[in-house]
């Protein structure tokens, strides 16, 4: 049972889907879900929401502001990724879920993948309405990812381009854009790898667009630093053993070790994008489903 939804995020309309478990009665627990860097909700989220709702969990699935069906903020361009805007929009989505009469406001979980996996940990660290959080193949180290994926001889060029773009935008010019992926790894792109191109290019012609604003690539966001603040909220990290795009397994495990209990991690075979298909999907979705059922299945007692 899926319905189209929209909700207000302090003046920005976000749109998505609400999944209600079949034959559900009364208030049910709910998982709030969104996708990774530049993606839309159609890019692999539906199978996860289907798996969760089949197990009795409602789901709020939505597009980030400026992407897919959601609006952009007044005066800001579409296709711009601001992690703190996205984190606050997670919080607005939680508020929307809690406002529904068919959702138990005391049993809210948060799930995110890739860039949103990092966002989900920040949300859980700052918002105690979250009773369980799952970050899948999460982005946890922005600077380290940049320094690994971008050859050092191109660093100054990237910084100069960002500085020039800020001056141009201050003059009222359109923001500079950069492709998300490219078939030619010698050309600039956010993720210039063959597996990234294979994943994203399958969505050419849909609501997804192969570009983001250059400002979206600026450094300064280290989601992994918030892992130590998530407890006492239960945490699950799903790690792809061969992730060579966002967070290699050893980085993910280092970040995981900074989190306090209660926590667990699950490793799945394959690379960053394998989590969405085949056996790795069965493992990643199954682990998240059982985690949320464990921690959201009973009402959380009111604080004394």
C-alpha atoms as a PDB file:
ATOM      1  CA  UNK A   1       0.000   0.000   0.000  1.00  0.00           C
ATOM      2  CA  UNK A   2       1.887   3.056  -1.280  1.00  0.00           C
ATOM      3  CA  UNK A   3       0.595   6.601  -1.503  1.00  0.00           C
ATOM      4  CA  UNK A   4       2.108   9.763  -2.901  1.00  0.00           C
ATOM      5  CA  UNK A   5       2.869  12.309  -0.191  1.00  0.00           C
ATOM      6  CA  UNK A   6       4.188  15.828   0.197  1.00  0.00           C
ATOM      7  CA  UNK A   7       5.141  17.751   3.300  1.00  0.00           C
ATOM      8  CA  UNK A   8       6.527  21.116   4.281  1.00  0.00           C
ATOM      9  CA  UNK A   9      10.167  21.599   5.227  1.00  0.00           C
ATOM     10  CA  UNK A  10      10.030  25.190   6.469  1.00  0.00           C
ATOM     11  CA  UNK A  11       8.837  26.611   3.180  1.00  0.00           C
ATOM     12  CA  UNK A  12      10.167  23.887   0.861  1.00  0.00           C
ATOM     13  CA  UNK A  13       7.806  21.174  -0.345  1.00  0.00           C
ATOM     14  CA  UNK A  14       9.315  17.689  -0.260  1.00  0.00           C
ATOM     15  CA  UNK A  15       7.582  14.844  -2.089  1.00  0.00           C
ATOM     16  CA  UNK A  16       7.756  11.109  -1.863  1.00  0.00           C
ATOM     17  CA  UNK A  17       5.869   7.978  -0.896  1.00  0.00           C
ATOM     18  CA  UNK A  18       4.318   6.557   2.239  1.00  0.00           C
ATOM     19  CA  UNK A  19       4.311   2.775   2.557  1.00  0.00           C
ATOM     20  CA  UNK A  20       1.761   1.308   4.932  1.00  0.00           C
ATOM     21  CA  UNK A  21       1.978  -2.383   5.819  1.00  0.00           C
ATOM     22  CA  UNK A  22      -0.858  -4.470   4.407  1.00  0.00           C
ATOM     23  CA  UNK A  23      -3.585  -5.247   6.925  1.00  0.00           C
ATOM     24  CA  UNK A  24      -2.014  -2.881   9.459  1.00  0.00           C
ATOM     25  CA  UNK A  25      -4.304  -1.502  12.119  1.00  0.00           C
ATOM     26  CA  UNK A  26      -3.628   1.203  14.643  1.00  0.00           C
ATOM     27  CA  UNK A  27      -0.282   2.945  14.940  1.00  0.00           C
ATOM     28  CA  UNK A  28       2.757   1.218  13.454  1.00  0.00           C
ATOM     29  CA  UNK A  29       6.500   1.921  13.633  1.00  0.00           C
ATOM     30  CA  UNK A  30       7.971   3.879  10.733  1.00  0.00           C
ATOM     31  CA  UNK A  31      11.334   4.065   8.954  1.00  0.00           C
ATOM     32  CA  UNK A  32      12.280   7.367   7.292  1.00  0.00           C
ATOM     33  CA  UNK A  33      14.376   6.797   4.178  1.00  0.00           C
ATOM     34  CA  UNK A  34      16.221   8.764   1.532  1.00  0.00           C
ATOM     35  CA  UNK A  35      18.992   8.178  -0.971  1.00  0.00           C
ATOM     36  CA  UNK A  36      22.567   9.161  -1.638  1.00  0.00           C
ATOM     37  CA  UNK A  37      24.519  11.747  -3.600  1.00  0.00           C
ATOM     38  CA  UNK A  38      22.387  13.265  -6.398  1.00  0.00           C
ATOM     39  CA  UNK A  39      19.988  10.297  -6.450  1.00  0.00           C
ATOM     40  CA  UNK A  40      16.206  10.169  -6.515  1.00  0.00           C
ATOM     41  CA  UNK A  41      13.877   7.854  -4.650  1.00  0.00           C
ATOM     42  CA  UNK A  42      13.398   5.685  -7.759  1.00  0.00           C
ATOM     43  CA  UNK A  43      17.051   4.632  -7.693  1.00  0.00           C
ATOM     44  CA  UNK A  44      16.928   1.500  -5.591  1.00  0.00           C
ATOM     45  CA  UNK A  45      14.834   2.560  -2.598  1.00  0.00           C
ATOM     46  CA  UNK A  46      11.598   0.832  -3.553  1.00  0.00           C
ATOM     47  CA  UNK A  47      12.838  -2.742  -2.877  1.00  0.00           C
ATOM     48  CA  UNK A  48      13.996  -1.721   0.603  1.00  0.00           C
ATOM     49  CA  UNK A  49      10.693  -0.027   1.411  1.00  0.00           C
ATOM     50  CA  UNK A  50       8.850  -3.102   0.103  1.00  0.00           C
ATOM     51  CA  UNK A  51      10.929  -5.374   2.350  1.00  0.00           C
ATOM     52  CA  UNK A  52      10.395  -3.201   5.413  1.00  0.00           C
ATOM     53  CA  UNK A  53       6.659  -2.706   4.872  1.00  0.00           C
ATOM     54  CA  UNK A  54       6.153  -6.433   4.256  1.00  0.00           C
ATOM     55  CA  UNK A  55       7.595  -6.968   7.744  1.00  0.00           C
ATOM     56  CA  UNK A  56       5.112  -4.544   9.322  1.00  0.00           C
ATOM     57  CA  UNK A  57       7.084  -1.302   9.203  1.00  0.00           C
ATOM     58  CA  UNK A  58       5.671   1.839   7.622  1.00  0.00           C
ATOM     59  CA  UNK A  59       8.101   3.865   5.474  1.00  0.00           C
ATOM     60  CA  UNK A  60       8.420   7.508   4.505  1.00  0.00           C
ATOM     61  CA  UNK A  61      10.519   7.689   1.331  1.00  0.00           C
ATOM     62  CA  UNK A  62      11.245  11.091  -0.181  1.00  0.00           C
ATOM     63  CA  UNK A  63      13.440  13.039  -2.584  1.00  0.00           C
ATOM     64  CA  UNK A  64      15.941  15.472  -1.133  1.00  0.00           C
ATOM     65  CA  UNK A  65      15.237  19.155  -1.777  1.00  0.00           C
ATOM     66  CA  UNK A  66      16.171  20.201  -5.290  1.00  0.00           C
ATOM     67  CA  UNK A  67      16.126  16.620  -6.588  1.00  0.00           C
ATOM     68  CA  UNK A  68      13.493  14.445  -8.185  1.00  0.00           C
ATOM     69  CA  UNK A  69       9.945  15.478  -7.315  1.00  0.00           C
ATOM     70  CA  UNK A  70      10.899  17.777  -4.434  1.00  0.00           C
ATOM     71  CA  UNK A  71      11.148  21.553  -4.721  1.00  0.00           C
ATOM     72  CA  UNK A  72      14.269  23.623  -4.172  1.00  0.00           C
ATOM     73  CA  UNK A  73      14.423  26.384  -1.600  1.00  0.00           C
ATOM     74  CA  UNK A  74      13.530  29.842  -2.847  1.00  0.00           C
ATOM     75  CA  UNK A  75      16.638  31.519  -4.218  1.00  0.00           C
ATOM     76  CA  UNK A  76      18.714  28.325  -4.326  1.00  0.00           C
ATOM     77  CA  UNK A  77      19.402  26.265  -7.456  1.00  0.00           C
ATOM     78  CA  UNK A  78      18.225  22.750  -8.067  1.00  0.00           C
ATOM     79  CA  UNK A  79      20.800  19.960  -7.986  1.00  0.00           C
ATOM     80  CA  UNK A  80      22.732  21.520  -5.104  1.00  0.00           C
ATOM     81  CA  UNK A  81      23.753  19.244  -2.249  1.00  0.00           C
ATOM     82  CA  UNK A  82      23.998  20.883   1.148  1.00  0.00           C
ATOM     83  CA  UNK A  83      24.410  18.176   3.798  1.00  0.00           C
ATOM     84  CA  UNK A  84      22.905  20.279   6.567  1.00  0.00           C
ATOM     85  CA  UNK A  85      19.837  21.055   4.489  1.00  0.00           C
ATOM     86  CA  UNK A  86      19.464  17.325   3.899  1.00  0.00           C
ATOM     87  CA  UNK A  87      19.929  16.542   7.597  1.00  0.00           C
ATOM     88  CA  UNK A  88      17.262  19.076   8.558  1.00  0.00           C
ATOM     89  CA  UNK A  89      14.952  17.642   5.907  1.00  0.00           C
ATOM     90  CA  UNK A  90      15.339  14.202   7.503  1.00  0.00           C
ATOM     91  CA  UNK A  91      14.064  15.873  10.649  1.00  0.00           C
ATOM     92  CA  UNK A  92      11.114  17.398   8.783  1.00  0.00           C
ATOM     93  CA  UNK A  93      10.326  13.942   7.383  1.00  0.00           C
ATOM     94  CA  UNK A  94      10.362  12.540  10.918  1.00  0.00           C
ATOM     95  CA  UNK A  95       7.933  15.257  11.969  1.00  0.00           C
ATOM     96  CA  UNK A  96       5.697  14.398   9.020  1.00  0.00           C
ATOM     97  CA  UNK A  97       5.745  10.711   9.985  1.00  0.00           C
ATOM     98  CA  UNK A  98       4.906  11.543  13.595  1.00  0.00           C
ATOM     99  CA  UNK A  99       1.979  13.691  12.480  1.00  0.00           C
ATOM    100  CA  UNK A 100       0.250  10.763  10.773  1.00  0.00           C
ATOM    101  CA  UNK A 101      -2.464   9.002  12.765  1.00  0.00           C
ATOM    102  CA  UNK A 102      -1.312   5.607  11.463  1.00  0.00           C
ATOM    103  CA  UNK A 103       2.283   6.015  12.731  1.00  0.00           C
ATOM    104  CA  UNK A 104       3.478   5.464  16.295  1.00  0.00           C
ATOM    105  CA  UNK A 105       5.432   8.652  16.961  1.00  0.00           C
ATOM    106  CA  UNK A 106       7.536   6.906  19.613  1.00  0.00           C
ATOM    107  CA  UNK A 107       8.876   4.276  17.180  1.00  0.00           C
ATOM    108  CA  UNK A 108      10.740   6.086  14.409  1.00  0.00           C
ATOM    109  CA  UNK A 109      13.815   4.690  12.672  1.00  0.00           C
ATOM    110  CA  UNK A 110      16.080   6.301  10.084  1.00  0.00           C
ATOM    111  CA  UNK A 111      17.740   4.549   7.131  1.00  0.00           C
ATOM    112  CA  UNK A 112      20.138   6.083   4.637  1.00  0.00           C
ATOM    113  CA  UNK A 113      22.444   4.829   1.917  1.00  0.00           C
ATOM    114  CA  UNK A 114      25.771   6.229   0.705  1.00  0.00           C
ATOM    115  CA  UNK A 115      25.785  10.021   1.258  1.00  0.00           C
ATOM    116  CA  UNK A 116      22.492   9.704   3.136  1.00  0.00           C
ATOM    117  CA  UNK A 117      24.064   6.917   5.186  1.00  0.00           C
ATOM    118  CA  UNK A 118      26.397   9.511   6.650  1.00  0.00           C
ATOM    119  CA  UNK A 119      23.511  11.951   7.019  1.00  0.00           C
ATOM    120  CA  UNK A 120      21.495   9.346   8.896  1.00  0.00           C
ATOM    121  CA  UNK A 121      24.179   9.054  11.577  1.00  0.00           C
ATOM    122  CA  UNK A 122      24.219  12.832  12.063  1.00  0.00           C
ATOM    123  CA  UNK A 123      20.425  12.883  12.383  1.00  0.00           C
ATOM    124  CA  UNK A 124      20.525  10.116  14.989  1.00  0.00           C
ATOM    125  CA  UNK A 125      23.232  11.991  16.899  1.00  0.00           C
ATOM    126  CA  UNK A 126      21.297  15.259  17.123  1.00  0.00           C
ATOM    127  CA  UNK A 127      17.650  14.133  17.209  1.00  0.00           C
ATOM    128  CA  UNK A 128      16.555  11.808  20.006  1.00  0.00           C
ATOM    129  CA  UNK A 129      13.247  11.101  18.294  1.00  0.00           C
ATOM    130  CA  UNK A 130      15.260   8.548  16.298  1.00  0.00           C
ATOM    131  CA  UNK A 131      15.022   5.186  18.054  1.00  0.00           C
ATOM    132  CA  UNK A 132      17.234   3.198  15.634  1.00  0.00           C
ATOM    133  CA  UNK A 133      19.500   4.156  12.730  1.00  0.00           C
ATOM    134  CA  UNK A 134      20.914   2.170   9.815  1.00  0.00           C
ATOM    135  CA  UNK A 135      23.603   3.663   7.581  1.00  0.00           C
ATOM    136  CA  UNK A 136      24.349   1.559   4.493  1.00  0.00           C
ATOM    137  CA  UNK A 137      27.685   1.925   2.616  1.00  0.00           C
ATOM    138  CA  UNK A 138      27.868   5.293   4.397  1.00  0.00           C
ATOM    139  CA  UNK A 139      29.924   8.319   3.424  1.00  0.00           C
ATOM    140  CA  UNK A 140      31.805   9.159   6.614  1.00  0.00           C
ATOM    141  CA  UNK A 141      34.990  11.010   5.551  1.00  0.00           C
ATOM    142  CA  UNK A 142      34.577  13.809   3.024  1.00  0.00           C
ATOM    143  CA  UNK A 143      38.162  15.082   2.977  1.00  0.00           C
ATOM    144  CA  UNK A 144      39.678  11.612   2.885  1.00  0.00           C
ATOM    145  CA  UNK A 145      37.416  10.635  -0.004  1.00  0.00           C
ATOM    146  CA  UNK A 146      38.412  13.754  -1.965  1.00  0.00           C
ATOM    147  CA  UNK A 147      42.111  13.247  -1.351  1.00  0.00           C
ATOM    148  CA  UNK A 148      41.898   9.594  -2.401  1.00  0.00           C
ATOM    149  CA  UNK A 149      39.742   9.988  -5.502  1.00  0.00           C
ATOM    150  CA  UNK A 150      41.163  13.232  -6.910  1.00  0.00           C
ATOM    151  CA  UNK A 151      44.828  13.213  -8.049  1.00  0.00           C
ATOM    152  CA  UNK A 152      46.864  15.672  -6.008  1.00  0.00           C
ATOM    153  CA  UNK A 153      47.860  17.665  -9.094  1.00  0.00           C
ATOM    154  CA  UNK A 154      44.154  18.543  -9.572  1.00  0.00           C
ATOM    155  CA  UNK A 155      43.473  19.761  -6.022  1.00  0.00           C
ATOM    156  CA  UNK A 156      44.395  23.392  -6.647  1.00  0.00           C
ATOM    157  CA  UNK A 157      42.372  23.402  -9.865  1.00  0.00           C
ATOM    158  CA  UNK A 158      39.348  22.208  -7.914  1.00  0.00           C
ATOM    159  CA  UNK A 159      39.787  24.851  -5.213  1.00  0.00           C
ATOM    160  CA  UNK A 160      40.311  27.603  -7.790  1.00  0.00           C
ATOM    161  CA  UNK A 161      37.165  26.519  -9.621  1.00  0.00           C
ATOM    162  CA  UNK A 162      35.128  26.652  -6.432  1.00  0.00           C
ATOM    163  CA  UNK A 163      36.442  30.120  -5.610  1.00  0.00           C
ATOM    164  CA  UNK A 164      35.666  31.391  -9.112  1.00  0.00           C
ATOM    165  CA  UNK A 165      32.177  29.916  -8.914  1.00  0.00           C
ATOM    166  CA  UNK A 166      31.441  31.751  -5.674  1.00  0.00           C
ATOM    167  CA  UNK A 167      32.475  35.061  -7.222  1.00  0.00           C
ATOM    168  CA  UNK A 168      30.360  34.363 -10.312  1.00  0.00           C
ATOM    169  CA  UNK A 169      27.326  33.480  -8.212  1.00  0.00           C
ATOM    170  CA  UNK A 170      27.760  36.663  -6.205  1.00  0.00           C
ATOM    171  CA  UNK A 171      27.519  38.556  -9.510  1.00  0.00           C
ATOM    172  CA  UNK A 172      24.205  36.842 -10.220  1.00  0.00           C
ATOM    173  CA  UNK A 173      25.540  34.319 -12.699  1.00  0.00           C
ATOM    174  CA  UNK A 174      24.273  30.733 -12.897  1.00  0.00           C
ATOM    175  CA  UNK A 175      26.114  28.227 -10.700  1.00  0.00           C
ATOM    176  CA  UNK A 176      28.875  26.151 -12.246  1.00  0.00           C
ATOM    177  CA  UNK A 177      27.940  22.494 -12.693  1.00  0.00           C
ATOM    178  CA  UNK A 178      29.950  19.260 -12.700  1.00  0.00           C
ATOM    179  CA  UNK A 179      28.916  15.802 -13.930  1.00  0.00           C
ATOM    180  CA  UNK A 180      28.218  13.164 -11.301  1.00  0.00           C
ATOM    181  CA  UNK A 181      29.705  10.382 -13.453  1.00  0.00           C
ATOM    182  CA  UNK A 182      31.509  10.085 -16.765  1.00  0.00           C
ATOM    183  CA  UNK A 183      32.251   7.359 -19.287  1.00  0.00           C
ATOM    184  CA  UNK A 184      35.716   8.901 -19.730  1.00  0.00           C
ATOM    185  CA  UNK A 185      37.659   8.738 -16.452  1.00  0.00           C
ATOM    186  CA  UNK A 186      40.059  11.420 -17.694  1.00  0.00           C
ATOM    187  CA  UNK A 187      37.224  13.961 -17.618  1.00  0.00           C
ATOM    188  CA  UNK A 188      36.117  15.772 -14.429  1.00  0.00           C
ATOM    189  CA  UNK A 189      33.256  14.144 -12.504  1.00  0.00           C
ATOM    190  CA  UNK A 190      32.336  13.634  -8.878  1.00  0.00           C
ATOM    191  CA  UNK A 191      32.625   9.839  -9.210  1.00  0.00           C
ATOM    192  CA  UNK A 192      34.796   9.090 -12.273  1.00  0.00           C
ATOM    193  CA  UNK A 193      34.786   5.297 -11.937  1.00  0.00           C
ATOM    194  CA  UNK A 194      33.351   2.605 -14.235  1.00  0.00           C
ATOM    195  CA  UNK A 195      31.088   1.075 -11.570  1.00  0.00           C
ATOM    196  CA  UNK A 196      29.632   4.486 -10.694  1.00  0.00           C
ATOM    197  CA  UNK A 197      28.985   5.182 -14.369  1.00  0.00           C
ATOM    198  CA  UNK A 198      27.322   1.781 -14.793  1.00  0.00           C
ATOM    199  CA  UNK A 199      24.976   2.404 -11.868  1.00  0.00           C
ATOM    200  CA  UNK A 200      23.981   5.976 -12.645  1.00  0.00           C
ATOM    201  CA  UNK A 201      23.802   5.744 -16.434  1.00  0.00           C
ATOM    202  CA  UNK A 202      21.027   3.165 -16.091  1.00  0.00           C
ATOM    203  CA  UNK A 203      18.832   6.063 -14.922  1.00  0.00           C
ATOM    204  CA  UNK A 204      19.485   8.400 -17.860  1.00  0.00           C
ATOM    205  CA  UNK A 205      16.147   9.724 -19.087  1.00  0.00           C
ATOM    206  CA  UNK A 206      14.492   9.531 -15.649  1.00  0.00           C
ATOM    207  CA  UNK A 207      14.140  12.233 -13.004  1.00  0.00           C
ATOM    208  CA  UNK A 208      17.857  11.846 -12.226  1.00  0.00           C
ATOM    209  CA  UNK A 209      20.241  14.320 -13.824  1.00  0.00           C
ATOM    210  CA  UNK A 210      23.940  13.723 -14.388  1.00  0.00           C
ATOM    211  CA  UNK A 211      25.122  16.936 -12.772  1.00  0.00           C
ATOM    212  CA  UNK A 212      25.286  18.801  -9.498  1.00  0.00           C
ATOM    213  CA  UNK A 213      26.412  22.313  -8.671  1.00  0.00           C
ATOM    214  CA  UNK A 214      30.151  22.672  -8.214  1.00  0.00           C
ATOM    215  CA  UNK A 215      29.466  23.992  -4.708  1.00  0.00           C
ATOM    216  CA  UNK A 216      28.120  20.531  -3.847  1.00  0.00           C
ATOM    217  CA  UNK A 217      31.693  19.225  -3.973  1.00  0.00           C
ATOM    218  CA  UNK A 218      33.173  21.588  -1.385  1.00  0.00           C
ATOM    219  CA  UNK A 219      34.923  19.991   1.563  1.00  0.00           C
ATOM    220  CA  UNK A 220      34.003  20.421   5.194  1.00  0.00           C
ATOM    221  CA  UNK A 221      31.502  17.634   5.903  1.00  0.00           C
ATOM    222  CA  UNK A 222      32.706  14.786   8.097  1.00  0.00           C
ATOM    223  CA  UNK A 223      29.649  12.716   9.004  1.00  0.00           C
ATOM    224  CA  UNK A 224      31.762  10.059  10.705  1.00  0.00           C
ATOM    225  CA  UNK A 225      32.668  12.508  13.456  1.00  0.00           C
ATOM    226  CA  UNK A 226      29.081  12.244  14.729  1.00  0.00           C
ATOM    227  CA  UNK A 227      29.159   8.481  15.226  1.00  0.00           C
ATOM    228  CA  UNK A 228      30.487   8.890  18.760  1.00  0.00           C
ATOM    229  CA  UNK A 229      27.361  10.886  19.628  1.00  0.00           C
ATOM    230  CA  UNK A 230      24.730   8.433  18.342  1.00  0.00           C
ATOM    231  CA  UNK A 231      24.516   6.306  21.517  1.00  0.00           C
ATOM    232  CA  UNK A 232      22.300   5.455  23.282  1.00  0.00           C
ATOM    233  CA  UNK A 233      20.370   5.129  19.997  1.00  0.00           C
ATOM    234  CA  UNK A 234      21.007   1.653  18.488  1.00  0.00           C
ATOM    235  CA  UNK A 235      23.170   1.817  15.356  1.00  0.00           C
ATOM    236  CA  UNK A 236      23.661  -0.530  12.408  1.00  0.00           C
ATOM    237  CA  UNK A 237      26.361   0.025   9.770  1.00  0.00           C
ATOM    238  CA  UNK A 238      26.241  -2.000   6.554  1.00  0.00           C
ATOM    239  CA  UNK A 239      29.701  -2.161   4.956  1.00  0.00           C
ATOM    240  CA  UNK A 240      30.538  -3.238   1.384  1.00  0.00           C
ATOM    241  CA  UNK A 241      33.804  -5.153   1.512  1.00  0.00           C
ATOM    242  CA  UNK A 242      35.007  -3.917  -1.902  1.00  0.00           C
ATOM    243  CA  UNK A 243      33.757  -0.330  -1.792  1.00  0.00           C
ATOM    244  CA  UNK A 244      36.334   1.725  -3.704  1.00  0.00           C
ATOM    245  CA  UNK A 245      34.220   4.825  -4.342  1.00  0.00           C
ATOM    246  CA  UNK A 246      32.894   6.308  -1.108  1.00  0.00           C
ATOM    247  CA  UNK A 247      34.063   4.485   2.018  1.00  0.00           C
ATOM    248  CA  UNK A 248      36.476   1.545   1.785  1.00  0.00           C
ATOM    249  CA  UNK A 249      35.738  -1.177   4.301  1.00  0.00           C
ATOM    250  CA  UNK A 250      38.728  -0.347   6.513  1.00  0.00           C
ATOM    251  CA  UNK A 251      37.653   3.313   6.745  1.00  0.00           C
ATOM    252  CA  UNK A 252      34.106   2.273   7.590  1.00  0.00           C
ATOM    253  CA  UNK A 253      35.317  -0.075  10.320  1.00  0.00           C
ATOM    254  CA  UNK A 254      37.581   2.621  11.769  1.00  0.00           C
ATOM    255  CA  UNK A 255      34.613   4.988  11.929  1.00  0.00           C
ATOM    256  CA  UNK A 256      32.393   2.258  13.368  1.00  0.00           C
ATOM    257  CA  UNK A 257      34.888   1.664  16.175  1.00  0.00           C
ATOM    258  CA  UNK A 258      34.384   5.265  17.370  1.00  0.00           C
ATOM    259  CA  UNK A 259      30.693   4.623  18.052  1.00  0.00           C
ATOM    260  CA  UNK A 260      29.558   3.446  21.458  1.00  0.00           C
ATOM    261  CA  UNK A 261      27.218   0.545  22.154  1.00  0.00           C
ATOM    262  CA  UNK A 262      24.577  -0.453  21.282  1.00  0.00           C
ATOM    263  CA  UNK A 263      25.875  -1.025  17.771  1.00  0.00           C
ATOM    264  CA  UNK A 264      26.514  -3.706  15.201  1.00  0.00           C
ATOM    265  CA  UNK A 265      27.954  -3.904  11.728  1.00  0.00           C
ATOM    266  CA  UNK A 266      27.242  -6.226   8.829  1.00  0.00           C
ATOM    267  CA  UNK A 267      29.595  -6.803   5.909  1.00  0.00           C
ATOM    268  CA  UNK A 268      28.250  -7.598   2.453  1.00  0.00           C
ATOM    269  CA  UNK A 269      30.195  -8.794  -0.596  1.00  0.00           C
ATOM    270  CA  UNK A 270      30.867  -6.549  -3.564  1.00  0.00           C
ATOM    271  CA  UNK A 271      31.351  -2.878  -4.219  1.00  0.00           C
ATOM    272  CA  UNK A 272      29.495   0.275  -3.286  1.00  0.00           C
ATOM    273  CA  UNK A 273      26.563  -0.219  -5.668  1.00  0.00           C
ATOM    274  CA  UNK A 274      26.187  -3.973  -5.197  1.00  0.00           C
ATOM    275  CA  UNK A 275      24.163  -3.366  -2.029  1.00  0.00           C
ATOM    276  CA  UNK A 276      21.100  -2.628  -4.180  1.00  0.00           C
ATOM    277  CA  UNK A 277      20.970  -5.882  -6.146  1.00  0.00           C
ATOM    278  CA  UNK A 278      21.131  -9.658  -5.915  1.00  0.00           C
ATOM    279  CA  UNK A 279      22.560 -11.478  -2.925  1.00  0.00           C
ATOM    280  CA  UNK A 280      24.047  -8.310  -1.428  1.00  0.00           C
ATOM    281  CA  UNK A 281      20.598  -6.699  -1.470  1.00  0.00           C
ATOM    282  CA  UNK A 282      19.135  -9.717   0.319  1.00  0.00           C
ATOM    283  CA  UNK A 283      21.840  -9.389   2.981  1.00  0.00           C
ATOM    284  CA  UNK A 284      21.643  -5.601   3.362  1.00  0.00           C
ATOM    285  CA  UNK A 285      17.850  -5.391   3.382  1.00  0.00           C
ATOM    286  CA  UNK A 286      17.498  -8.430   5.633  1.00  0.00           C
ATOM    287  CA  UNK A 287      19.954  -7.068   8.185  1.00  0.00           C
ATOM    288  CA  UNK A 288      18.229  -3.680   8.257  1.00  0.00           C
ATOM    289  CA  UNK A 289      14.772  -5.233   8.464  1.00  0.00           C
ATOM    290  CA  UNK A 290      15.680  -7.426  11.435  1.00  0.00           C
ATOM    291  CA  UNK A 291      17.483  -4.535  13.141  1.00  0.00           C
ATOM    292  CA  UNK A 292      14.469  -2.252  12.878  1.00  0.00           C
ATOM    293  CA  UNK A 293      12.078  -4.985  13.993  1.00  0.00           C
ATOM    294  CA  UNK A 294      14.258  -5.626  17.039  1.00  0.00           C
ATOM    295  CA  UNK A 295      14.419  -1.996  18.098  1.00  0.00           C
ATOM    296  CA  UNK A 296      11.052  -0.642  16.936  1.00  0.00           C
ATOM    297  CA  UNK A 297       8.808  -3.608  17.609  1.00  0.00           C
ATOM    298  CA  UNK A 298       7.752  -2.496  21.088  1.00  0.00           C
ATOM    299  CA  UNK A 299       6.740   0.919  22.286  1.00  0.00           C
ATOM    300  CA  UNK A 300       9.528   2.926  23.786  1.00  0.00           C
ATOM    301  CA  UNK A 301       8.580   3.792  27.368  1.00  0.00           C
ATOM    302  CA  UNK A 302       8.024   7.451  28.134  1.00  0.00           C
ATOM    303  CA  UNK A 303      10.940   9.070  30.000  1.00  0.00           C
ATOM    304  CA  UNK A 304      10.504   9.206  33.776  1.00  0.00           C
END
